[in-house]
Protein backbone atom coordinates (compact mmCIF):
# COMPACT_ATOMS: atom_id res chain seq x y z
CA MET A 1 -6.51 30.31 12.62
CA ALA A 2 -2.85 29.40 12.16
CA ARG A 3 -3.88 26.22 10.37
CA ARG A 4 -5.94 28.18 7.82
CA ARG A 5 -3.02 30.56 7.31
CA ILE A 6 -0.69 27.64 6.60
CA ALA A 7 -3.27 26.12 4.24
CA GLY A 8 -3.50 29.44 2.40
CA LEU A 9 0.27 29.72 2.10
CA LEU A 10 0.53 26.14 0.87
CA ALA A 11 -2.21 26.73 -1.71
CA LEU A 12 -0.47 29.88 -2.93
CA SER A 13 2.79 27.96 -3.16
CA ALA A 14 1.09 25.17 -5.13
CA PHE A 15 -0.39 27.54 -7.69
CA ALA A 16 2.85 29.51 -8.11
CA ALA A 17 4.83 26.31 -8.54
CA SER A 18 2.33 24.89 -11.01
CA ALA A 19 2.71 27.99 -13.17
CA LEU A 20 6.46 27.37 -13.26
CA ALA A 21 5.92 23.66 -13.93
CA VAL A 22 3.90 24.43 -17.04
CA ALA A 23 6.91 26.29 -18.44
CA ALA A 24 9.18 23.26 -17.90
CA ARG A 25 9.13 20.41 -20.36
CA ALA A 26 8.02 17.00 -19.10
CA GLY A 27 10.38 15.36 -21.62
CA ASP A 28 13.43 16.56 -19.70
CA PHE A 29 13.71 13.27 -17.80
CA PRO A 30 16.13 10.92 -19.56
CA SER A 31 15.89 7.15 -19.77
CA LEU A 32 18.14 5.17 -17.43
CA ARG A 33 18.70 2.60 -20.23
CA GLY A 34 18.17 -0.36 -17.96
CA GLU A 35 20.07 1.01 -14.99
CA ARG A 36 18.31 1.13 -11.61
CA PHE A 37 17.83 4.08 -9.30
CA ALA A 38 20.23 4.12 -6.36
CA ASP A 39 17.52 5.46 -4.05
CA VAL A 40 14.24 7.33 -3.81
CA ARG A 41 13.89 10.37 -1.58
CA VAL A 42 11.24 13.00 -0.90
CA ASP A 43 12.24 16.59 -0.08
CA VAL A 44 9.59 18.62 1.77
CA ARG A 45 11.82 21.51 2.86
CA PRO A 46 9.71 24.10 0.96
CA LEU A 47 6.68 22.99 3.00
CA LEU A 48 8.62 23.01 6.26
CA ALA A 49 9.77 26.57 5.51
CA LEU A 50 6.10 27.56 5.31
CA GLY A 51 5.39 26.01 8.70
CA ALA A 52 3.65 22.83 7.55
CA GLY A 53 5.51 20.77 10.17
CA ALA A 54 3.74 17.51 11.05
CA GLN A 55 1.64 17.49 7.87
CA ALA A 56 4.78 17.85 5.71
CA GLU A 57 6.48 15.04 7.61
CA ALA A 58 3.41 12.80 7.17
CA LEU A 59 3.45 13.56 3.45
CA ARG A 60 7.17 12.77 3.25
CA ALA A 61 6.62 9.38 4.92
CA ASP A 62 3.58 8.47 2.80
CA LEU A 63 5.07 9.62 -0.50
CA THR A 64 8.39 7.89 0.20
CA ALA A 65 6.58 4.61 0.96
CA ALA A 66 4.38 4.96 -2.14
CA LEU A 67 7.34 5.72 -4.41
CA ARG A 68 9.40 2.83 -3.05
CA SER A 69 6.47 0.51 -3.63
CA ARG A 70 5.72 1.72 -7.17
CA PHE A 71 9.39 1.85 -8.24
CA ALA A 72 10.46 -1.35 -6.38
CA SER A 73 11.57 -3.12 -9.56
CA ARG A 74 13.66 -0.10 -10.57
CA LEU A 75 15.49 0.42 -7.24
CA GLY A 76 18.73 -0.94 -5.81
CA GLY A 77 21.16 -0.03 -8.53
CA ARG A 78 24.19 2.20 -8.82
CA GLY A 79 22.44 4.77 -10.99
CA PRO A 80 21.28 8.22 -10.04
CA SER A 81 18.68 8.84 -7.33
CA LEU A 82 15.06 9.79 -7.85
CA VAL A 83 14.26 12.79 -5.67
CA VAL A 84 10.78 14.26 -5.50
CA LEU A 85 10.88 17.90 -4.44
CA VAL A 86 7.47 18.86 -3.07
CA ARG A 87 6.85 22.53 -3.81
CA GLY A 88 3.20 22.83 -2.85
CA PHE A 89 0.62 20.89 -0.91
CA SER A 90 -2.92 21.89 -0.14
CA LEU A 91 -5.68 20.11 1.72
CA ARG A 92 -8.84 22.10 1.18
CA PRO A 93 -11.29 22.61 4.01
CA TYR A 94 -13.78 19.83 3.41
CA ALA A 95 -17.25 20.01 4.90
CA GLY A 96 -19.17 17.30 3.13
CA GLY A 97 -20.46 16.69 -0.35
CA GLY A 98 -21.87 20.08 -1.29
CA THR A 99 -21.74 20.52 -5.03
CA ASN A 100 -22.27 24.26 -5.35
CA GLY A 101 -25.07 23.65 -7.82
CA ARG A 102 -23.05 21.12 -9.84
CA SER A 103 -23.18 17.39 -9.80
CA GLY A 104 -20.10 15.28 -10.12
CA PHE A 105 -17.63 12.98 -8.46
CA GLY A 106 -15.96 14.27 -5.31
CA GLY A 107 -18.37 16.98 -4.26
CA GLY A 108 -17.82 19.78 -6.74
CA SER A 109 -14.55 21.64 -6.75
CA GLN A 110 -13.21 20.63 -3.33
CA ASN A 111 -9.84 19.18 -4.32
CA ASP A 112 -6.53 18.56 -2.61
CA TYR A 113 -3.34 19.36 -4.51
CA LEU A 114 0.22 18.05 -4.50
CA ASP A 115 2.72 19.89 -6.67
CA GLY A 116 6.18 18.48 -7.04
CA GLU A 117 9.05 17.84 -9.35
CA ALA A 118 10.80 14.52 -9.87
CA LEU A 119 14.53 15.07 -10.18
CA LEU A 120 17.08 12.60 -11.49
CA VAL A 121 20.11 13.36 -9.31
CA ALA A 122 23.62 12.03 -9.97
CA ARG A 123 25.94 10.93 -7.17
CA ASP A 124 27.75 14.29 -7.37
CA GLY A 125 24.45 16.17 -6.87
CA ALA A 126 24.02 17.27 -10.49
CA VAL A 127 20.44 17.29 -11.71
CA LEU A 128 20.31 15.14 -14.84
CA GLY A 129 16.59 15.45 -15.51
CA ARG A 130 13.34 16.82 -14.18
CA HIS A 131 9.65 16.09 -14.49
CA PRO A 132 7.11 18.49 -12.94
CA GLN A 133 3.81 17.01 -11.86
CA LEU A 134 0.65 18.43 -10.28
CA THR A 135 -1.84 15.98 -8.79
CA ALA A 136 -5.37 16.85 -7.72
CA THR A 137 -7.70 14.54 -5.83
CA PRO A 138 -11.19 15.07 -4.47
CA SER A 139 -11.13 16.03 -0.81
CA SER A 140 -13.69 13.30 -0.19
CA PHE A 141 -11.00 10.62 -0.68
CA GLY A 142 -10.36 10.74 3.07
CA GLY A 143 -13.85 9.58 3.91
CA ALA A 144 -16.34 11.36 6.11
CA TRP A 145 -15.20 14.90 6.92
CA TYR A 146 -16.14 14.52 10.59
CA ASP A 147 -13.91 11.47 11.09
CA PRO A 148 -10.75 12.54 12.95
CA GLN A 149 -8.64 10.33 10.63
CA SER A 150 -10.05 11.83 7.43
CA GLU A 151 -7.26 14.39 6.96
CA ARG A 152 -4.55 11.78 7.51
CA ARG A 153 -6.18 9.47 4.92
CA ARG A 154 -6.30 12.37 2.46
CA VAL A 155 -2.53 12.81 2.78
CA THR A 156 -2.01 9.10 2.13
CA ALA A 157 -4.42 9.11 -0.83
CA ILE A 158 -2.78 12.02 -2.63
CA ALA A 159 0.70 10.54 -2.04
CA ASP A 160 -0.42 7.21 -3.53
CA ILE A 161 -2.01 8.85 -6.57
CA TYR A 162 1.04 11.10 -7.13
CA ALA A 163 3.29 8.00 -7.09
CA ASP A 164 0.96 6.10 -9.43
CA TRP A 165 1.09 8.87 -12.01
CA LEU A 166 4.83 9.41 -11.65
CA VAL A 167 5.66 5.76 -12.35
CA ARG A 168 3.49 5.97 -15.48
CA ASN A 169 5.05 9.22 -16.70
CA LEU A 170 8.77 8.52 -16.25
CA PRO A 171 10.72 6.52 -18.84
CA ALA A 172 10.61 2.82 -17.90
CA ASP A 173 13.98 1.77 -19.31
């Protein structure tokens, strides 16, 4: 019961944050002009405040690893840090490939969501730029719903996809 309550709170947080993200402009993330990021960090404090605990920590670990991998050639400099603030995260209850009368990839409308904002943060803590991003993946990406590792694979999958899109959307130079 508590798990469903947390999932509901996280879903509500994701939709509220996505409404705010639409209002922000994606072009507010400046080019580093050849400079490298000093570091990459993932902030899941909003999820921890909602009681997400172990799932939030798993997401932090997976997203940090994915971002460091995708941005490897752009890390290790003296520039600002890339910080991804995760505002919402939702793993939908997934009970197989029911399509609710529709056909399509991923079993209808059963999607997982990761809502965050990439922040370009100077050494003094000033936010120099921001890029909101909402990622949705089919819940089936974790494999068979009855497999005990399915939920953990879903966390890894959405972190990887979020990182893939972020590296494509941020200025490369």
